[in-house]
Amino acid sequence: MNGKGDKWRGGWNYKYAGNFDKIFNKEKVMERIFIFDVDGTLTPSRQPMSMEFGLYFKEWVKKNKFYLVTGSDIRKLQEQMCYFDIEAEALFTCCGNEMWIPDPHIVNISAYQEYHKEFKPPNQLLTYLGEQLRFSDYPIRAGNHIEDRGTLLNFSIVGRNCSLEQRKNYNRYDNQFEERKTIAEFIRKQWPTLDAVIGGQISIDIYPKGNDKSQILEHIEKRHPKGEIVFIGDGIENGGNDYPLAHLMDNIDGCDWHHVKDWKQTMKILKEYDGEV
């Protein structure tokens, strides 16, 4: 046989094989994977996604792959995400100490749990937090101050039951007096095996050292070994609970991160990636 196919096969060699994409004008497009913090990044603090961003995100999820990572538990995440959590590749709650795979067929929770890292806080730590709660100069106590999420401890002077206005007022107070920073630094010094980081506007997340948001990257890289990974969060440059993941990504090729102040800035960044800006 001496057809075109045989001529082509006879002329095929490693030189051509290595330049296949160039010969046929095919560019290798690296898959881009997004990781989002939730509170303050995709939604206003402890509130559902805004209507404006929800309409944009509804179209965005149709052509992009993404993961969610939050310090909150699965229930709080779902309250804020307005069902868009179902579109994610996976959900990492409690700073990555729980992993969930979305499944709309599962009643009520719409996800099954892949893993759960249990954490039992020391009694001495609970005693210390109780003392800080009693002796803090901040006057408001709204309730739900020490929340044990099974995989981490969340501590708040003003309390997680506070109103939106009380939340904003405490955040202003904390920005001035750095109360949370002082408490977190003491915990890290007093309990070397634990880490304590600023979470959101009013609280501190406490968990075993290393059990932070950075732990999710290995799971995502296994799923997308050749992907470009982009992380967007509002707790990176201010020493919040997004920092460990961003810091790890600094040392890995194909990874990038963006610190944002709100969902509006997140939307602007996503439009830039899509070439809309």
C-alpha atoms as a PDB file:
ATOM      1  CA  MET A   1       0.000   0.000   0.000  1.00  0.00           C
ATOM      2  CA  ASN A   2       1.205   3.438  -0.834  1.00  0.00           C
ATOM      3  CA  GLY A   3      -1.662   5.670   0.172  1.00  0.00           C
ATOM      4  CA  LYS A   4      -1.473   9.011   1.939  1.00  0.00           C
ATOM      5  CA  GLY A   5      -1.794   7.326   5.289  1.00  0.00           C
ATOM      6  CA  ASP A   6       1.245   5.152   4.702  1.00  0.00           C
ATOM      7  CA  LYS A   7       3.282   8.091   3.450  1.00  0.00           C
ATOM      8  CA  TRP A   8       2.339  10.023   6.575  1.00  0.00           C
ATOM      9  CA  ARG A   9       3.134   7.129   8.897  1.00  0.00           C
ATOM     10  CA  GLY A  10       6.443   6.584   7.138  1.00  0.00           C
ATOM     11  CA  GLY A  11       7.379  10.224   7.677  1.00  0.00           C
ATOM     12  CA  TRP A  12       6.288  10.325  11.333  1.00  0.00           C
ATOM     13  CA  ASN A  13       9.121  10.652  13.845  1.00  0.00           C
ATOM     14  CA  TYR A  14       9.877  12.156  17.234  1.00  0.00           C
ATOM     15  CA  LYS A  15      10.622  15.538  15.654  1.00  0.00           C
ATOM     16  CA  TYR A  16       7.069  15.751  14.352  1.00  0.00           C
ATOM     17  CA  ALA A  17       5.584  14.214  17.472  1.00  0.00           C
ATOM     18  CA  GLY A  18       7.184  16.842  19.666  1.00  0.00           C
ATOM     19  CA  ASN A  19       5.811  19.632  17.477  1.00  0.00           C
ATOM     20  CA  PHE A  20       2.339  18.199  16.907  1.00  0.00           C
ATOM     21  CA  ASP A  21       0.540  21.171  18.458  1.00  0.00           C
ATOM     22  CA  LYS A  22       2.585  23.681  16.515  1.00  0.00           C
ATOM     23  CA  ILE A  23       2.172  21.822  13.209  1.00  0.00           C
ATOM     24  CA  PHE A  24      -1.605  21.691  13.585  1.00  0.00           C
ATOM     25  CA  ASN A  25      -1.902  25.132  15.217  1.00  0.00           C
ATOM     26  CA  LYS A  26      -3.278  23.630  18.409  1.00  0.00           C
ATOM     27  CA  GLU A  27      -2.427  25.390  21.641  1.00  0.00           C
ATOM     28  CA  LYS A  28      -2.311  23.403  24.851  1.00  0.00           C
ATOM     29  CA  VAL A  29      -4.773  25.103  27.173  1.00  0.00           C
ATOM     30  CA  MET A  30      -4.081  24.518  30.860  1.00  0.00           C
ATOM     31  CA  GLU A  31      -7.205  23.852  32.875  1.00  0.00           C
ATOM     32  CA  ARG A  32      -7.834  26.688  35.345  1.00  0.00           C
ATOM     33  CA  ILE A  33      -9.247  25.738  38.731  1.00  0.00           C
ATOM     34  CA  PHE A  34     -10.553  28.315  41.207  1.00  0.00           C
ATOM     35  CA  ILE A  35     -10.640  28.081  44.995  1.00  0.00           C
ATOM     36  CA  PHE A  36     -12.850  30.545  46.842  1.00  0.00           C
ATOM     37  CA  ASP A  37     -13.141  31.544  50.449  1.00  0.00           C
ATOM     38  CA  VAL A  38     -16.824  32.247  51.108  1.00  0.00           C
ATOM     39  CA  ASP A  39     -17.470  34.856  53.822  1.00  0.00           C
ATOM     40  CA  GLY A  40     -16.329  38.283  52.607  1.00  0.00           C
ATOM     41  CA  THR A  41     -15.160  36.858  49.266  1.00  0.00           C
ATOM     42  CA  LEU A  42     -18.279  35.519  47.528  1.00  0.00           C
ATOM     43  CA  THR A  43     -20.802  36.888  50.011  1.00  0.00           C
ATOM     44  CA  PRO A  44     -21.125  39.780  52.453  1.00  0.00           C
ATOM     45  CA  SER A  45     -20.003  38.736  55.919  1.00  0.00           C
ATOM     46  CA  ARG A  46     -22.405  36.039  57.279  1.00  0.00           C
ATOM     47  CA  GLN A  47     -25.024  36.939  54.685  1.00  0.00           C
ATOM     48  CA  PRO A  48     -26.308  35.229  51.536  1.00  0.00           C
ATOM     49  CA  MET A  49     -24.799  36.017  48.160  1.00  0.00           C
ATOM     50  CA  SER A  50     -26.000  39.341  46.758  1.00  0.00           C
ATOM     51  CA  MET A  51     -28.489  39.313  43.871  1.00  0.00           C
ATOM     52  CA  GLU A  52     -26.043  41.112  41.573  1.00  0.00           C
ATOM     53  CA  PHE A  53     -23.231  38.646  42.160  1.00  0.00           C
ATOM     54  CA  GLY A  54     -25.632  35.693  42.146  1.00  0.00           C
ATOM     55  CA  LEU A  55     -26.799  36.532  38.616  1.00  0.00           C
ATOM     56  CA  TYR A  56     -23.205  36.799  37.431  1.00  0.00           C
ATOM     57  CA  PHE A  57     -22.082  33.643  39.257  1.00  0.00           C
ATOM     58  CA  LYS A  58     -24.983  31.653  37.818  1.00  0.00           C
ATOM     59  CA  GLU A  59     -23.473  32.058  34.335  1.00  0.00           C
ATOM     60  CA  TRP A  60     -19.860  31.820  35.524  1.00  0.00           C
ATOM     61  CA  VAL A  61     -20.284  28.346  37.056  1.00  0.00           C
ATOM     62  CA  LYS A  62     -21.456  26.952  33.708  1.00  0.00           C
ATOM     63  CA  LYS A  63     -17.955  27.256  32.253  1.00  0.00           C
ATOM     64  CA  ASN A  64     -15.600  27.068  35.248  1.00  0.00           C
ATOM     65  CA  LYS A  65     -14.529  24.544  37.889  1.00  0.00           C
ATOM     66  CA  PHE A  66     -14.220  25.685  41.482  1.00  0.00           C
ATOM     67  CA  TYR A  67     -13.809  24.615  45.098  1.00  0.00           C
ATOM     68  CA  LEU A  68     -15.003  26.326  48.271  1.00  0.00           C
ATOM     69  CA  VAL A  69     -13.030  26.563  51.508  1.00  0.00           C
ATOM     70  CA  THR A  70     -14.404  28.185  54.644  1.00  0.00           C
ATOM     71  CA  GLY A  71     -13.919  28.302  58.378  1.00  0.00           C
ATOM     72  CA  SER A  72     -17.661  27.736  58.819  1.00  0.00           C
ATOM     73  CA  ASP A  73     -19.451  24.409  58.959  1.00  0.00           C
ATOM     74  CA  ILE A  74     -21.453  22.934  56.074  1.00  0.00           C
ATOM     75  CA  ARG A  75     -24.791  24.398  57.226  1.00  0.00           C
ATOM     76  CA  LYS A  76     -23.513  27.969  57.382  1.00  0.00           C
ATOM     77  CA  LEU A  77     -21.797  27.608  54.012  1.00  0.00           C
ATOM     78  CA  GLN A  78     -25.000  26.428  52.369  1.00  0.00           C
ATOM     79  CA  GLU A  79     -27.023  29.235  53.944  1.00  0.00           C
ATOM     80  CA  GLN A  80     -24.772  31.778  52.260  1.00  0.00           C
ATOM     81  CA  MET A  81     -24.168  30.127  48.883  1.00  0.00           C
ATOM     82  CA  CYS A  82     -27.795  30.045  47.662  1.00  0.00           C
ATOM     83  CA  TYR A  83     -27.457  26.507  46.227  1.00  0.00           C
ATOM     84  CA  PHE A  84     -24.329  27.332  44.203  1.00  0.00           C
ATOM     85  CA  ASP A  85     -22.408  25.003  46.529  1.00  0.00           C
ATOM     86  CA  ILE A  86     -23.958  22.125  44.549  1.00  0.00           C
ATOM     87  CA  GLU A  87     -22.002  23.297  41.484  1.00  0.00           C
ATOM     88  CA  ALA A  88     -18.611  23.049  43.244  1.00  0.00           C
ATOM     89  CA  GLU A  89     -16.178  20.186  42.677  1.00  0.00           C
ATOM     90  CA  ALA A  90     -15.855  19.824  46.467  1.00  0.00           C
ATOM     91  CA  LEU A  91     -16.470  21.772  49.670  1.00  0.00           C
ATOM     92  CA  PHE A  92     -13.869  22.189  52.401  1.00  0.00           C
ATOM     93  CA  THR A  93     -15.400  23.331  55.683  1.00  0.00           C
ATOM     94  CA  CYS A  94     -13.901  24.121  59.101  1.00  0.00           C
ATOM     95  CA  CYS A  95     -10.691  25.400  57.476  1.00  0.00           C
ATOM     96  CA  GLY A  96     -10.282  22.244  55.415  1.00  0.00           C
ATOM     97  CA  ASN A  97     -10.757  19.818  58.292  1.00  0.00           C
ATOM     98  CA  GLU A  98     -13.868  18.460  56.589  1.00  0.00           C
ATOM     99  CA  MET A  99     -14.268  17.638  52.904  1.00  0.00           C
ATOM    100  CA  TRP A 100     -17.648  17.243  51.241  1.00  0.00           C
ATOM    101  CA  ILE A 101     -18.621  16.152  47.733  1.00  0.00           C
ATOM    102  CA  PRO A 102     -21.815  17.880  46.543  1.00  0.00           C
ATOM    103  CA  ASP A 103     -24.672  15.511  45.745  1.00  0.00           C
ATOM    104  CA  PRO A 104     -28.177  16.970  45.294  1.00  0.00           C
ATOM    105  CA  HIS A 105     -29.703  13.515  45.818  1.00  0.00           C
ATOM    106  CA  ILE A 106     -28.769  13.489  49.509  1.00  0.00           C
ATOM    107  CA  VAL A 107     -31.698  14.843  51.511  1.00  0.00           C
ATOM    108  CA  ASN A 108     -31.216  18.051  53.519  1.00  0.00           C
ATOM    109  CA  ILE A 109     -27.438  18.408  53.274  1.00  0.00           C
ATOM    110  CA  SER A 110     -26.909  17.758  49.515  1.00  0.00           C
ATOM    111  CA  ALA A 111     -23.372  16.448  50.028  1.00  0.00           C
ATOM    112  CA  TYR A 112     -21.550  13.419  51.404  1.00  0.00           C
ATOM    113  CA  GLN A 113     -18.568  13.694  53.712  1.00  0.00           C
ATOM    114  CA  GLU A 114     -15.204  12.546  52.361  1.00  0.00           C
ATOM    115  CA  TYR A 115     -13.280  13.044  55.613  1.00  0.00           C
ATOM    116  CA  HIS A 116     -13.512  14.583  59.093  1.00  0.00           C
ATOM    117  CA  LYS A 117     -10.534  15.448  61.329  1.00  0.00           C
ATOM    118  CA  GLU A 118     -11.646  15.440  64.948  1.00  0.00           C
ATOM    119  CA  PHE A 119     -10.220  17.960  67.426  1.00  0.00           C
ATOM    120  CA  LYS A 120     -10.819  17.979  71.171  1.00  0.00           C
ATOM    121  CA  PRO A 121      -9.725  21.305  72.701  1.00  0.00           C
ATOM    122  CA  PRO A 122      -7.730  21.150  75.970  1.00  0.00           C
ATOM    123  CA  ASN A 123      -9.662  22.079  79.104  1.00  0.00           C
ATOM    124  CA  GLN A 124      -7.023  24.695  79.953  1.00  0.00           C
ATOM    125  CA  LEU A 125      -7.701  26.401  76.627  1.00  0.00           C
ATOM    126  CA  LEU A 126     -11.433  26.523  77.321  1.00  0.00           C
ATOM    127  CA  THR A 127     -10.695  28.024  80.743  1.00  0.00           C
ATOM    128  CA  TYR A 128      -8.472  30.697  79.160  1.00  0.00           C
ATOM    129  CA  LEU A 129     -11.128  31.619  76.589  1.00  0.00           C
ATOM    130  CA  GLY A 130     -13.721  31.899  79.350  1.00  0.00           C
ATOM    131  CA  GLU A 131     -11.444  34.326  81.177  1.00  0.00           C
ATOM    132  CA  GLN A 132     -10.959  36.448  78.066  1.00  0.00           C
ATOM    133  CA  LEU A 133     -14.708  36.542  77.639  1.00  0.00           C
ATOM    134  CA  ARG A 134     -15.177  37.836  81.204  1.00  0.00           C
ATOM    135  CA  PHE A 135     -12.345  40.344  81.252  1.00  0.00           C
ATOM    136  CA  SER A 136     -12.525  41.885  77.764  1.00  0.00           C
ATOM    137  CA  ASP A 137     -13.221  45.622  77.771  1.00  0.00           C
ATOM    138  CA  TYR A 138     -15.626  45.250  74.870  1.00  0.00           C
ATOM    139  CA  PRO A 139     -19.103  45.702  76.430  1.00  0.00           C
ATOM    140  CA  ILE A 140     -21.410  43.607  74.201  1.00  0.00           C
ATOM    141  CA  ARG A 141     -22.018  39.860  74.706  1.00  0.00           C
ATOM    142  CA  ALA A 142     -24.512  38.541  72.147  1.00  0.00           C
ATOM    143  CA  GLY A 143     -24.194  34.806  72.820  1.00  0.00           C
ATOM    144  CA  ASN A 144     -22.527  31.775  71.191  1.00  0.00           C
ATOM    145  CA  HIS A 145     -18.974  32.771  72.089  1.00  0.00           C
ATOM    146  CA  ILE A 146     -17.212  29.379  72.089  1.00  0.00           C
ATOM    147  CA  GLU A 147     -18.391  27.172  69.228  1.00  0.00           C
ATOM    148  CA  ASP A 148     -16.964  23.651  69.059  1.00  0.00           C
ATOM    149  CA  ARG A 149     -17.292  22.489  65.451  1.00  0.00           C
ATOM    150  CA  GLY A 150     -15.756  19.100  66.120  1.00  0.00           C
ATOM    151  CA  THR A 151     -12.706  19.823  63.985  1.00  0.00           C
ATOM    152  CA  LEU A 152     -11.888  23.314  65.244  1.00  0.00           C
ATOM    153  CA  LEU A 153     -12.871  25.777  67.946  1.00  0.00           C
ATOM    154  CA  ASN A 154     -14.307  29.161  67.008  1.00  0.00           C
ATOM    155  CA  PHE A 155     -14.061  31.907  69.628  1.00  0.00           C
ATOM    156  CA  SER A 156     -15.712  35.324  69.578  1.00  0.00           C
ATOM    157  CA  ILE A 157     -15.831  38.040  72.248  1.00  0.00           C
ATOM    158  CA  VAL A 158     -18.967  39.704  70.865  1.00  0.00           C
ATOM    159  CA  GLY A 159     -20.529  36.314  70.053  1.00  0.00           C
ATOM    160  CA  ARG A 160     -21.705  34.744  66.807  1.00  0.00           C
ATOM    161  CA  ASN A 161     -25.328  35.601  67.651  1.00  0.00           C
ATOM    162  CA  CYS A 162     -24.580  39.297  67.213  1.00  0.00           C
ATOM    163  CA  SER A 163     -26.522  41.457  64.776  1.00  0.00           C
ATOM    164  CA  LEU A 164     -24.943  42.799  61.599  1.00  0.00           C
ATOM    165  CA  GLU A 165     -24.503  46.205  63.241  1.00  0.00           C
ATOM    166  CA  GLN A 166     -22.906  44.641  66.348  1.00  0.00           C
ATOM    167  CA  ARG A 167     -20.600  42.670  64.046  1.00  0.00           C
ATOM    168  CA  LYS A 168     -19.446  45.832  62.294  1.00  0.00           C
ATOM    169  CA  ASN A 169     -18.984  47.673  65.587  1.00  0.00           C
ATOM    170  CA  TYR A 170     -16.818  44.917  67.051  1.00  0.00           C
ATOM    171  CA  ASN A 171     -14.751  44.714  63.878  1.00  0.00           C
ATOM    172  CA  ARG A 172     -14.029  48.447  64.128  1.00  0.00           C
ATOM    173  CA  TYR A 173     -13.101  48.015  67.801  1.00  0.00           C
ATOM    174  CA  ASP A 174     -10.818  45.085  66.981  1.00  0.00           C
ATOM    175  CA  ASN A 175      -9.121  46.952  64.137  1.00  0.00           C
ATOM    176  CA  GLN A 176      -8.240  49.684  66.635  1.00  0.00           C
ATOM    177  CA  PHE A 177      -7.209  47.589  69.665  1.00  0.00           C
ATOM    178  CA  GLU A 178      -6.166  44.305  67.963  1.00  0.00           C
ATOM    179  CA  GLU A 179      -7.877  42.209  70.603  1.00  0.00           C
ATOM    180  CA  ARG A 180      -8.131  39.094  68.459  1.00  0.00           C
ATOM    181  CA  LYS A 181      -4.499  39.344  67.356  1.00  0.00           C
ATOM    182  CA  THR A 182      -3.371  39.521  71.010  1.00  0.00           C
ATOM    183  CA  ILE A 183      -5.481  36.505  72.033  1.00  0.00           C
ATOM    184  CA  ALA A 184      -4.344  34.460  69.016  1.00  0.00           C
ATOM    185  CA  GLU A 185      -0.676  35.211  69.673  1.00  0.00           C
ATOM    186  CA  PHE A 186      -1.031  34.114  73.311  1.00  0.00           C
ATOM    187  CA  ILE A 187      -2.716  30.840  72.320  1.00  0.00           C
ATOM    188  CA  ARG A 188       0.049  29.998  69.832  1.00  0.00           C
ATOM    189  CA  LYS A 189       2.692  30.704  72.467  1.00  0.00           C
ATOM    190  CA  GLN A 190       0.952  28.904  75.349  1.00  0.00           C
ATOM    191  CA  TRP A 191      -0.102  25.848  73.282  1.00  0.00           C
ATOM    192  CA  PRO A 192       2.674  25.222  70.716  1.00  0.00           C
ATOM    193  CA  THR A 193       0.805  22.327  69.080  1.00  0.00           C
ATOM    194  CA  LEU A 194      -2.163  24.581  68.253  1.00  0.00           C
ATOM    195  CA  ASP A 195      -2.674  27.355  65.779  1.00  0.00           C
ATOM    196  CA  ALA A 196      -4.992  30.341  66.249  1.00  0.00           C
ATOM    197  CA  VAL A 197      -5.865  32.667  63.378  1.00  0.00           C
ATOM    198  CA  ILE A 198      -8.248  35.536  62.795  1.00  0.00           C
ATOM    199  CA  GLY A 199     -11.444  34.306  61.161  1.00  0.00           C
ATOM    200  CA  GLY A 200     -13.848  36.671  59.426  1.00  0.00           C
ATOM    201  CA  GLN A 201     -14.834  39.905  61.179  1.00  0.00           C
ATOM    202  CA  ILE A 202     -15.364  38.836  64.780  1.00  0.00           C
ATOM    203  CA  SER A 203     -13.776  35.499  65.639  1.00  0.00           C
ATOM    204  CA  ILE A 204     -10.672  33.347  66.031  1.00  0.00           C
ATOM    205  CA  ASP A 205     -10.293  29.840  64.597  1.00  0.00           C
ATOM    206  CA  ILE A 206      -8.292  27.399  66.754  1.00  0.00           C
ATOM    207  CA  TYR A 207      -7.104  23.966  65.560  1.00  0.00           C
ATOM    208  CA  PRO A 208      -4.043  21.663  65.618  1.00  0.00           C
ATOM    209  CA  LYS A 209      -1.042  23.201  63.888  1.00  0.00           C
ATOM    210  CA  GLY A 210      -1.057  22.334  60.197  1.00  0.00           C
ATOM    211  CA  ASN A 211      -4.800  21.664  60.079  1.00  0.00           C
ATOM    212  CA  ASP A 212      -5.417  24.941  58.250  1.00  0.00           C
ATOM    213  CA  LYS A 213      -6.700  25.817  54.788  1.00  0.00           C
ATOM    214  CA  SER A 214      -3.362  24.915  53.183  1.00  0.00           C
ATOM    215  CA  GLN A 215      -4.172  21.210  53.650  1.00  0.00           C
ATOM    216  CA  ILE A 216      -6.765  21.302  50.868  1.00  0.00           C
ATOM    217  CA  LEU A 217      -4.228  21.967  48.118  1.00  0.00           C
ATOM    218  CA  GLU A 218      -2.929  18.390  47.961  1.00  0.00           C
ATOM    219  CA  HIS A 219      -6.472  17.073  47.427  1.00  0.00           C
ATOM    220  CA  ILE A 220      -7.103  19.545  44.608  1.00  0.00           C
ATOM    221  CA  GLU A 221      -3.745  18.916  42.931  1.00  0.00           C
ATOM    222  CA  LYS A 222      -4.427  15.168  42.906  1.00  0.00           C
ATOM    223  CA  ARG A 223      -7.680  15.824  41.057  1.00  0.00           C
ATOM    224  CA  HIS A 224      -6.105  18.327  38.640  1.00  0.00           C
ATOM    225  CA  PRO A 225      -2.394  17.455  38.328  1.00  0.00           C
ATOM    226  CA  LYS A 226      -1.866  19.707  35.302  1.00  0.00           C
ATOM    227  CA  GLY A 227      -4.216  22.520  36.231  1.00  0.00           C
ATOM    228  CA  GLU A 228      -3.549  26.153  36.998  1.00  0.00           C
ATOM    229  CA  ILE A 229      -4.940  26.867  40.477  1.00  0.00           C
ATOM    230  CA  VAL A 230      -6.201  30.307  41.517  1.00  0.00           C
ATOM    231  CA  PHE A 231      -7.220  31.127  45.091  1.00  0.00           C
ATOM    232  CA  ILE A 232      -9.301  34.183  46.025  1.00  0.00           C
ATOM    233  CA  GLY A 233      -9.852  35.171  49.657  1.00  0.00           C
ATOM    234  CA  ASP A 234     -10.328  38.156  51.935  1.00  0.00           C
ATOM    235  CA  GLY A 235      -8.177  36.840  54.788  1.00  0.00           C
ATOM    236  CA  ILE A 236      -4.729  36.668  53.181  1.00  0.00           C
ATOM    237  CA  GLU A 237      -2.822  39.917  53.593  1.00  0.00           C
ATOM    238  CA  ASN A 238      -4.365  40.685  57.007  1.00  0.00           C
ATOM    239  CA  GLY A 239      -3.069  37.489  58.623  1.00  0.00           C
ATOM    240  CA  GLY A 240      -6.447  35.767  58.459  1.00  0.00           C
ATOM    241  CA  ASN A 241      -7.252  32.103  57.987  1.00  0.00           C
ATOM    242  CA  ASP A 242      -6.710  32.349  54.202  1.00  0.00           C
ATOM    243  CA  TYR A 243      -3.017  33.141  54.642  1.00  0.00           C
ATOM    244  CA  PRO A 244      -1.649  29.577  55.092  1.00  0.00           C
ATOM    245  CA  LEU A 245      -3.081  28.445  51.742  1.00  0.00           C
ATOM    246  CA  ALA A 246      -1.837  31.522  49.873  1.00  0.00           C
ATOM    247  CA  HIS A 247       1.609  31.189  51.500  1.00  0.00           C
ATOM    248  CA  LEU A 248       1.867  27.552  50.392  1.00  0.00           C
ATOM    249  CA  MET A 249       0.838  28.464  46.848  1.00  0.00           C
ATOM    250  CA  ASP A 250       3.656  31.033  46.671  1.00  0.00           C
ATOM    251  CA  ASN A 251       6.134  28.162  46.451  1.00  0.00           C
ATOM    252  CA  ILE A 252       4.310  26.056  43.865  1.00  0.00           C
ATOM    253  CA  ASP A 253       4.389  26.577  40.100  1.00  0.00           C
ATOM    254  CA  GLY A 254       1.014  27.017  38.446  1.00  0.00           C
ATOM    255  CA  CYS A 255      -0.574  28.572  41.538  1.00  0.00           C
ATOM    256  CA  ASP A 256      -1.722  32.134  42.087  1.00  0.00           C
ATOM    257  CA  TRP A 257      -3.795  34.001  44.676  1.00  0.00           C
ATOM    258  CA  HIS A 258      -5.679  37.280  45.072  1.00  0.00           C
ATOM    259  CA  HIS A 259      -6.563  39.119  48.271  1.00  0.00           C
ATOM    260  CA  VAL A 260      -9.925  40.879  48.018  1.00  0.00           C
ATOM    261  CA  LYS A 261     -11.933  43.142  50.275  1.00  0.00           C
ATOM    262  CA  ASP A 262     -15.405  42.025  49.121  1.00  0.00           C
ATOM    263  CA  TRP A 263     -17.435  40.146  46.497  1.00  0.00           C
ATOM    264  CA  LYS A 264     -17.341  43.126  44.140  1.00  0.00           C
ATOM    265  CA  GLN A 265     -13.591  42.848  43.848  1.00  0.00           C
ATOM    266  CA  THR A 266     -13.924  39.091  43.372  1.00  0.00           C
ATOM    267  CA  MET A 267     -16.322  39.646  40.478  1.00  0.00           C
ATOM    268  CA  LYS A 268     -13.904  42.133  38.892  1.00  0.00           C
ATOM    269  CA  ILE A 269     -11.056  39.600  39.077  1.00  0.00           C
ATOM    270  CA  LEU A 270     -13.190  36.832  37.548  1.00  0.00           C
ATOM    271  CA  LYS A 271     -14.187  39.128  34.695  1.00  0.00           C
ATOM    272  CA  GLU A 272     -10.524  39.910  34.090  1.00  0.00           C
ATOM    273  CA  TYR A 273      -9.751  36.198  33.810  1.00  0.00           C
ATOM    274  CA  ASP A 274     -12.598  35.852  31.319  1.00  0.00           C
ATOM    275  CA  GLY A 275     -11.359  38.848  29.326  1.00  0.00           C
ATOM    276  CA  GLU A 276     -14.455  40.903  30.096  1.00  0.00           C
ATOM    277  CA  VAL A 277     -12.522  43.841  31.575  1.00  0.00           C
END
